[in-house]
Amino acid sequence: MSNLDDIDIRLIAELRRDGRASISDLATRLKLARATVRSRIERLMASGEIAGFTVLTRADVSAAPIRGLTLIGIEGRGTERIIAHLQGMPAVQAVHSTNGRWDLIVELATDTLQELDDTLVRMRRFEGITSSETNLYLSTRRPLKRP
């Protein structure tokens, strides 16, 4: 974050907890005037510090019980082809390119361990994937919304 003061940081933290909070609620929580909160949000959006707001759907919060990350090493120039194959798999939630030892990080979600295993077997058969490592999520902690 660049050029943010304590109020900006606290405001962004509150918006992360509840992106739908009203200006009045934010002002009360932060002990600021509504006009101050409104102008700060507008300034943070205009500067690009706040890039947007998002919605979590029921599916987002009641995701498949088996979740994890697969780190993938790729040989050669097949990255775009492999990404396209991965994005077509039902268990794949997102594909991220990265640097370092691994080339891609794949977020997975399945209903069963067998489904996860089947997905991993298919992924490892893709031409150009030379190595992979999968880590399962044991628990997930999200910021709690304030009442």
Protein backbone atom coordinates (compact mmCIF):
# COMPACT_ATOMS: atom_id res chain seq x y z
CA MET A 1 0.00 0.00 0.00
CA SER A 2 1.31 3.40 -0.86
CA ASN A 3 0.79 6.70 0.97
CA LEU A 4 -1.87 5.29 3.26
CA ASP A 5 -2.30 6.69 6.72
CA ASP A 6 -3.75 4.89 9.73
CA ILE A 7 -7.31 5.96 8.89
CA ASP A 8 -7.03 4.62 5.33
CA ILE A 9 -5.66 1.32 6.61
CA ARG A 10 -8.45 0.99 9.19
CA LEU A 11 -11.08 1.93 6.58
CA ILE A 12 -9.79 -0.68 4.13
CA ALA A 13 -9.77 -3.28 6.93
CA GLU A 14 -13.43 -2.50 7.70
CA LEU A 15 -14.35 -2.75 4.02
CA ARG A 16 -12.59 -6.11 3.78
CA ARG A 17 -14.72 -7.33 6.70
CA ASP A 18 -17.93 -6.01 5.15
CA GLY A 19 -17.79 -4.47 1.69
CA ARG A 20 -21.50 -3.62 1.92
CA ALA A 21 -21.24 -1.59 5.13
CA SER A 22 -22.97 1.75 4.88
CA ILE A 23 -21.03 4.99 5.14
CA SER A 24 -22.84 5.62 8.44
CA ASP A 25 -21.80 2.22 9.86
CA LEU A 26 -18.20 2.74 8.76
CA ALA A 27 -18.17 6.22 10.29
CA THR A 28 -19.47 4.86 13.58
CA ARG A 29 -16.96 1.98 13.68
CA LEU A 30 -14.05 4.28 12.83
CA LYS A 31 -15.31 7.20 14.96
CA LEU A 32 -15.19 9.55 11.98
CA ALA A 33 -17.62 11.89 10.24
CA ARG A 34 -19.63 10.38 7.37
CA ALA A 35 -18.25 13.02 4.98
CA THR A 36 -14.70 11.99 5.93
CA VAL A 37 -15.42 8.31 5.27
CA ARG A 38 -17.13 9.08 1.95
CA SER A 39 -14.29 11.31 0.73
CA ARG A 40 -11.66 8.79 1.80
CA ILE A 41 -13.40 5.96 -0.06
CA GLU A 42 -13.71 8.15 -3.16
CA ARG A 43 -10.01 9.12 -2.93
CA LEU A 44 -8.92 5.49 -2.44
CA MET A 45 -10.98 4.42 -5.44
CA ALA A 46 -9.73 7.30 -7.62
CA SER A 47 -6.11 6.47 -6.77
CA GLY A 48 -6.66 2.80 -7.56
CA GLU A 49 -5.84 1.72 -4.00
CA ILE A 50 -9.34 0.23 -3.88
CA ALA A 51 -9.71 -1.56 -7.20
CA GLY A 52 -13.29 -2.71 -6.69
CA PHE A 53 -15.76 -4.59 -4.57
CA THR A 54 -16.89 -8.18 -4.89
CA VAL A 55 -19.69 -10.49 -3.84
CA LEU A 56 -19.42 -13.89 -2.17
CA THR A 57 -22.15 -16.27 -3.25
CA ARG A 58 -23.52 -19.21 -1.31
CA ALA A 59 -21.35 -21.47 -3.48
CA ASP A 60 -18.26 -19.48 -2.46
CA VAL A 61 -18.85 -20.01 1.24
CA SER A 62 -20.16 -23.58 1.04
CA ALA A 63 -17.41 -24.86 -1.21
CA ALA A 64 -16.54 -28.49 -1.76
CA PRO A 65 -15.15 -30.00 1.45
CA ILE A 66 -11.87 -31.22 -0.08
CA ARG A 67 -9.79 -28.20 -1.04
CA GLY A 68 -6.14 -27.61 -1.72
CA LEU A 69 -3.35 -26.20 -3.84
CA THR A 70 -1.32 -28.01 -6.45
CA LEU A 71 2.07 -26.57 -7.39
CA ILE A 72 3.09 -27.47 -10.93
CA GLY A 73 6.44 -27.48 -12.72
CA ILE A 74 6.33 -27.20 -16.51
CA GLU A 75 8.97 -28.11 -19.09
CA GLY A 76 9.16 -26.21 -22.35
CA ARG A 77 6.70 -23.73 -23.78
CA GLY A 78 3.41 -25.48 -23.10
CA THR A 79 2.22 -23.26 -20.27
CA GLU A 80 -0.74 -21.67 -22.10
CA ARG A 81 -1.91 -25.06 -23.38
CA ILE A 82 -1.66 -26.57 -19.90
CA ILE A 83 -3.53 -23.62 -18.37
CA ALA A 84 -6.33 -24.09 -20.94
CA HIS A 85 -6.59 -27.80 -20.06
CA LEU A 86 -6.60 -27.04 -16.33
CA GLN A 87 -9.30 -24.38 -16.65
CA GLY A 88 -11.54 -26.95 -18.33
CA MET A 89 -11.41 -29.30 -15.34
CA PRO A 90 -14.41 -29.09 -12.96
CA ALA A 91 -12.26 -29.35 -9.81
CA VAL A 92 -10.06 -26.39 -10.80
CA GLN A 93 -11.18 -23.18 -9.12
CA ALA A 94 -8.30 -20.93 -10.27
CA VAL A 95 -4.89 -21.11 -11.95
CA HIS A 96 -2.13 -18.69 -10.94
CA SER A 97 1.22 -18.19 -12.63
CA THR A 98 4.10 -17.69 -10.24
CA ASN A 99 7.86 -17.45 -10.02
CA GLY A 100 10.43 -19.61 -8.28
CA ARG A 101 10.57 -23.38 -8.33
CA TRP A 102 6.96 -23.82 -9.48
CA ASP A 103 5.38 -22.40 -12.63
CA LEU A 104 1.69 -22.61 -11.69
CA ILE A 105 -0.41 -22.79 -8.55
CA VAL A 106 -3.78 -24.48 -9.04
CA GLU A 107 -6.64 -24.12 -6.56
CA LEU A 108 -8.69 -27.31 -6.35
CA ALA A 109 -12.05 -28.16 -4.76
CA THR A 110 -13.77 -31.56 -4.83
CA ASP A 111 -16.48 -33.39 -2.93
CA THR A 112 -14.37 -36.49 -2.19
CA LEU A 113 -10.74 -37.54 -1.85
CA GLN A 114 -11.27 -39.98 -4.71
CA GLU A 115 -12.41 -37.14 -6.97
CA LEU A 116 -9.31 -35.15 -5.95
CA ASP A 117 -7.08 -38.14 -6.65
CA ASP A 118 -8.69 -38.66 -10.08
CA THR A 119 -8.12 -34.98 -10.87
CA LEU A 120 -4.46 -35.17 -9.86
CA VAL A 121 -3.91 -38.31 -11.96
CA ARG A 122 -5.38 -36.56 -15.02
CA MET A 123 -3.32 -33.42 -14.40
CA ARG A 124 -0.07 -35.36 -14.11
CA ARG A 125 -0.72 -36.91 -17.53
CA PHE A 126 -0.69 -33.53 -19.29
CA GLU A 127 2.27 -33.31 -21.64
CA GLY A 128 4.78 -30.79 -20.31
CA ILE A 129 4.01 -31.16 -16.60
CA THR A 130 7.24 -32.44 -15.09
CA SER A 131 6.47 -32.22 -11.38
CA SER A 132 3.71 -31.39 -8.95
CA GLU A 133 3.07 -31.09 -5.24
CA THR A 134 -0.38 -30.95 -3.67
CA ASN A 135 -1.23 -29.53 -0.25
CA LEU A 136 -4.70 -29.91 1.24
CA TYR A 137 -6.39 -27.19 3.26
CA LEU A 138 -7.02 -28.43 6.78
CA SER A 139 -8.94 -25.34 7.88
CA THR A 140 -9.79 -21.90 6.54
CA ARG A 141 -10.14 -18.80 8.65
CA ARG A 142 -11.81 -15.76 7.19
CA PRO A 143 -12.23 -12.37 8.83
CA LEU A 144 -15.46 -12.33 10.80
CA LYS A 145 -18.13 -9.78 10.01
CA ARG A 146 -19.00 -7.51 12.90
CA PRO A 147 -22.65 -7.51 13.99
